[in-house]
Amino acid sequence: MAKPKPPYEFKSRAELINHLGSEKTLEVAENWFRKRLPDIESVVIEGVEGNTFRAFHHLPKRPSVLFRDWATRRVTGAIARLKTIKTEDEYAVFVEESSFNLCSIWHTEMESEMGFGRGAKLFNLVLKKLACLTNLDEGFRPGFIRLLHVPFDSYTLVGLRRLITSPVIPPNATMKFIETQDDYRLFQKYISDVAKEARVPAIYYDILAWNMAH
């Protein structure tokens, strides 16, 4: 496997829009979402790979086990609700409620704070992969992809260092950089607005910043 490229810092909003709407990004995104997974358990396991959990240390239970059990239950129980969601605001409420629920369970079971940003990142990775679930209705899938949030990590955050000046993004930012719900909304809105200008789903920024660097 080729070594991942370092995170790329976009020099301007115009450059980011140009890259987002490029044929290469569209091709990689379409190929990625063309994959199919047989069940929600597979979605959860492939959505958040084992190395992601190395960020969590000295805990009483295995982070991967707790998260995967929670995510499988959460997504299985949310499929019907997701099919009723039509707007970005409704989808944001669902993601934020779920992220707070994860943080609460993590605090109870692990006796440790997960942090809203890390919880949202993990859950958004699962939802990104959920778009590849085999038995999703094909009429539902494209609209769902358009609602997906970006799972913010070092690649997606550092890419915005020159574009978002408040809060200041450090060069070594990771998923725990976003600590509050307000900051989460600010970053998601910036990407949503840029993606609309590029005429692509917001999740394509994650494809551009993370997938295409790995």
Protein backbone atom coordinates (compact mmCIF):
# COMPACT_ATOMS: atom_id res chain seq x y z
CA MET A 1 0.00 0.00 0.00
CA ALA A 2 1.35 3.44 -0.93
CA LYS A 3 2.24 5.78 1.89
CA PRO A 4 -0.50 8.42 2.45
CA LYS A 5 0.25 11.92 1.28
CA PRO A 6 0.43 14.61 4.00
CA PRO A 7 -2.69 16.76 4.44
CA TYR A 8 -3.00 19.42 1.76
CA GLU A 9 -3.77 23.03 2.70
CA PHE A 10 -6.03 24.67 0.14
CA LYS A 11 -4.78 28.13 -0.68
CA SER A 12 -8.14 29.73 -1.41
CA ARG A 13 -11.85 29.05 -1.47
CA ALA A 14 -11.74 29.21 -5.27
CA GLU A 15 -9.05 26.52 -5.39
CA LEU A 16 -11.09 24.28 -3.11
CA ILE A 17 -14.22 24.73 -5.24
CA ASN A 18 -12.23 23.94 -8.37
CA HIS A 19 -10.85 20.73 -6.87
CA LEU A 20 -14.22 19.68 -5.47
CA GLY A 21 -15.89 19.96 -8.84
CA SER A 22 -13.07 18.37 -10.82
CA GLU A 23 -13.59 15.25 -12.92
CA LYS A 24 -11.06 13.38 -10.79
CA THR A 25 -12.92 14.05 -7.54
CA LEU A 26 -16.24 13.10 -9.13
CA GLU A 27 -14.74 9.87 -10.46
CA VAL A 28 -13.23 8.86 -7.11
CA ALA A 29 -16.43 9.71 -5.25
CA GLU A 30 -18.65 7.81 -7.66
CA ASN A 31 -16.39 4.76 -7.46
CA TRP A 32 -16.34 4.91 -3.67
CA PHE A 33 -20.12 5.12 -3.32
CA ARG A 34 -20.59 2.41 -5.94
CA LYS A 35 -19.30 -0.20 -3.48
CA ARG A 36 -21.87 -2.32 -1.65
CA LEU A 37 -21.86 -3.83 1.82
CA PRO A 38 -24.24 -6.63 2.88
CA ASP A 39 -25.33 -5.49 6.35
CA ILE A 40 -25.03 -2.82 9.01
CA GLU A 41 -22.39 -4.76 10.95
CA SER A 42 -20.15 -4.59 7.87
CA VAL A 43 -20.92 -0.89 7.48
CA VAL A 44 -19.79 -0.19 11.05
CA ILE A 45 -16.63 -2.31 10.86
CA GLU A 46 -15.49 -0.92 7.51
CA GLY A 47 -16.62 2.60 8.37
CA VAL A 48 -14.28 2.95 11.36
CA GLU A 49 -11.11 0.93 10.96
CA GLY A 50 -9.22 -0.47 13.92
CA ASN A 51 -6.36 2.03 13.78
CA THR A 52 -8.81 4.88 14.50
CA PHE A 53 -9.27 3.56 18.02
CA ARG A 54 -5.58 3.98 18.82
CA ALA A 55 -6.46 7.56 19.77
CA PHE A 56 -8.17 6.20 22.90
CA HIS A 57 -5.88 4.98 25.69
CA HIS A 58 -6.05 3.28 29.09
CA LEU A 59 -9.75 2.50 29.11
CA PRO A 60 -11.59 -0.25 31.02
CA LYS A 61 -13.15 -1.71 27.85
CA ARG A 62 -12.00 -2.11 24.27
CA PRO A 63 -13.02 1.10 22.44
CA SER A 64 -13.69 -0.73 19.18
CA VAL A 65 -16.10 -3.18 20.82
CA LEU A 66 -18.08 -0.52 22.68
CA PHE A 67 -18.30 1.75 19.65
CA ARG A 68 -19.25 -0.96 17.18
CA ASP A 69 -21.96 -2.35 19.45
CA TRP A 70 -23.37 1.14 19.96
CA ALA A 71 -23.16 2.13 16.28
CA THR A 72 -24.80 -1.09 15.06
CA ARG A 73 -27.73 -0.56 17.42
CA ARG A 74 -27.98 3.15 16.66
CA VAL A 75 -27.97 2.81 12.89
CA THR A 76 -30.28 -0.23 12.85
CA GLY A 77 -32.81 1.68 14.90
CA ALA A 78 -32.45 4.86 12.82
CA ILE A 79 -33.02 3.56 9.29
CA ALA A 80 -36.74 4.34 9.36
CA ARG A 81 -36.07 7.84 10.74
CA LEU A 82 -33.39 8.54 8.15
CA LYS A 83 -35.85 7.76 5.38
CA THR A 84 -38.11 10.57 6.63
CA ILE A 85 -35.36 13.22 6.75
CA LYS A 86 -35.48 15.66 3.86
CA THR A 87 -33.59 18.76 4.99
CA GLU A 88 -30.05 19.59 6.12
CA ASP A 89 -31.38 20.89 9.44
CA GLU A 90 -33.26 17.68 10.18
CA TYR A 91 -30.20 15.63 9.33
CA ALA A 92 -27.97 17.81 11.52
CA VAL A 93 -30.30 17.25 14.49
CA PHE A 94 -30.05 13.49 13.96
CA VAL A 95 -26.24 13.50 13.76
CA GLU A 96 -25.82 15.78 16.76
CA GLU A 97 -28.29 13.85 18.92
CA SER A 98 -26.53 10.62 18.05
CA SER A 99 -23.10 12.08 18.77
CA PHE A 100 -24.20 13.32 22.20
CA ASN A 101 -25.71 9.91 22.90
CA LEU A 102 -22.40 8.24 22.04
CA CYS A 103 -20.52 10.66 24.29
CA SER A 104 -22.92 9.93 27.15
CA ILE A 105 -22.59 6.16 26.83
CA TRP A 106 -18.82 6.46 26.48
CA HIS A 107 -18.64 8.50 29.68
CA THR A 108 -20.73 5.93 31.56
CA GLU A 109 -18.95 2.82 30.26
CA MET A 110 -15.41 4.15 29.94
CA GLU A 111 -15.39 6.66 32.82
CA SER A 112 -13.76 9.02 30.33
CA GLU A 113 -14.77 11.93 28.11
CA MET A 114 -14.90 11.15 24.41
CA GLY A 115 -15.49 14.73 23.29
CA PHE A 116 -18.19 15.88 20.88
CA GLY A 117 -15.82 16.29 17.93
CA ARG A 118 -14.44 12.79 18.19
CA GLY A 119 -17.89 11.28 18.69
CA ALA A 120 -19.25 13.10 15.64
CA LYS A 121 -16.26 12.08 13.54
CA LEU A 122 -16.71 8.38 14.33
CA PHE A 123 -20.46 8.44 13.72
CA ASN A 124 -20.08 10.38 10.47
CA LEU A 125 -17.62 7.76 9.22
CA VAL A 126 -20.28 5.10 9.77
CA LEU A 127 -22.94 7.17 8.02
CA LYS A 128 -20.62 7.75 5.07
CA LYS A 129 -20.27 3.97 4.73
CA LEU A 130 -24.00 3.47 5.30
CA ALA A 131 -24.53 4.99 1.87
CA CYS A 132 -23.00 1.76 0.50
CA LEU A 133 -25.47 -0.59 2.22
CA THR A 134 -26.82 -3.02 -0.36
CA ASN A 135 -30.48 -2.94 0.62
CA LEU A 136 -30.89 0.84 0.74
CA ASP A 137 -33.63 1.98 -1.59
CA GLU A 138 -32.00 3.37 -4.75
CA GLY A 139 -34.38 6.31 -4.67
CA PHE A 140 -33.19 7.15 -1.16
CA ARG A 141 -29.44 6.72 -1.63
CA PRO A 142 -28.59 9.88 -3.70
CA GLY A 143 -30.50 12.19 -1.36
CA PHE A 144 -28.86 10.59 1.66
CA ILE A 145 -25.40 11.11 0.15
CA ARG A 146 -26.20 14.79 -0.33
CA LEU A 147 -27.01 15.15 3.38
CA LEU A 148 -23.89 13.43 4.73
CA HIS A 149 -21.62 15.42 7.02
CA VAL A 150 -17.84 15.51 6.78
CA PRO A 151 -16.03 13.38 9.41
CA PHE A 152 -13.47 15.96 10.49
CA ASP A 153 -9.93 14.70 11.08
CA SER A 154 -6.38 15.88 10.41
CA TYR A 155 -6.83 15.79 6.62
CA THR A 156 -10.16 17.58 6.42
CA LEU A 157 -9.25 20.12 9.08
CA VAL A 158 -5.74 21.01 7.91
CA GLY A 159 -7.13 21.43 4.40
CA LEU A 160 -9.13 24.41 5.72
CA ARG A 161 -6.34 26.13 7.70
CA ARG A 162 -6.03 29.09 5.31
CA LEU A 163 -9.76 29.34 4.67
CA ILE A 164 -11.24 29.37 8.18
CA THR A 165 -9.43 31.80 10.46
CA SER A 166 -11.66 31.60 13.53
CA PRO A 167 -11.16 29.31 15.29
CA VAL A 168 -7.51 29.07 14.27
CA ILE A 169 -6.73 25.55 13.01
CA PRO A 170 -3.29 24.34 14.15
CA PRO A 171 -1.07 22.46 11.68
CA ASN A 172 -1.38 19.31 13.80
CA ALA A 173 -5.16 19.44 14.25
CA THR A 174 -6.89 16.08 14.79
CA MET A 175 -10.49 14.95 15.29
CA LYS A 176 -10.49 16.23 18.89
CA PHE A 177 -9.81 19.81 17.71
CA ILE A 178 -13.54 20.43 17.29
CA GLU A 179 -14.73 20.50 20.89
CA THR A 180 -18.11 22.23 20.78
CA GLN A 181 -21.35 21.84 18.91
CA ASP A 182 -21.05 25.45 17.71
CA ASP A 183 -17.63 24.85 16.14
CA TYR A 184 -18.92 21.65 14.57
CA ARG A 185 -21.79 23.54 12.96
CA LEU A 186 -19.46 26.31 11.75
CA PHE A 187 -17.16 23.86 9.97
CA GLN A 188 -19.99 21.82 8.49
CA LYS A 189 -21.69 24.97 7.20
CA TYR A 190 -18.51 26.20 5.55
CA ILE A 191 -18.11 22.92 3.68
CA SER A 192 -21.80 22.79 2.82
CA ASP A 193 -21.65 26.28 1.29
CA VAL A 194 -18.48 25.53 -0.66
CA ALA A 195 -19.88 22.23 -1.93
CA LYS A 196 -23.02 23.96 -3.17
CA GLU A 197 -20.86 26.33 -5.19
CA ALA A 198 -19.04 23.32 -6.64
CA ARG A 199 -22.40 21.57 -7.21
CA VAL A 200 -21.40 18.44 -5.34
CA PRO A 201 -22.43 16.85 -2.01
CA ALA A 202 -20.53 18.13 1.03
CA ILE A 203 -19.13 14.64 1.69
CA TYR A 204 -17.10 14.98 -1.51
CA TYR A 205 -14.76 17.20 0.51
CA ASP A 206 -13.90 14.16 2.61
CA ILE A 207 -13.35 12.17 -0.58
CA LEU A 208 -11.04 14.92 -1.83
CA ALA A 209 -9.10 15.60 1.37
CA TRP A 210 -8.91 12.09 2.84
CA ASN A 211 -9.67 9.38 0.28
CA MET A 212 -7.58 10.89 -2.50
CA ALA A 213 -4.59 11.26 -0.16
CA HIS A 214 -4.62 7.58 0.81
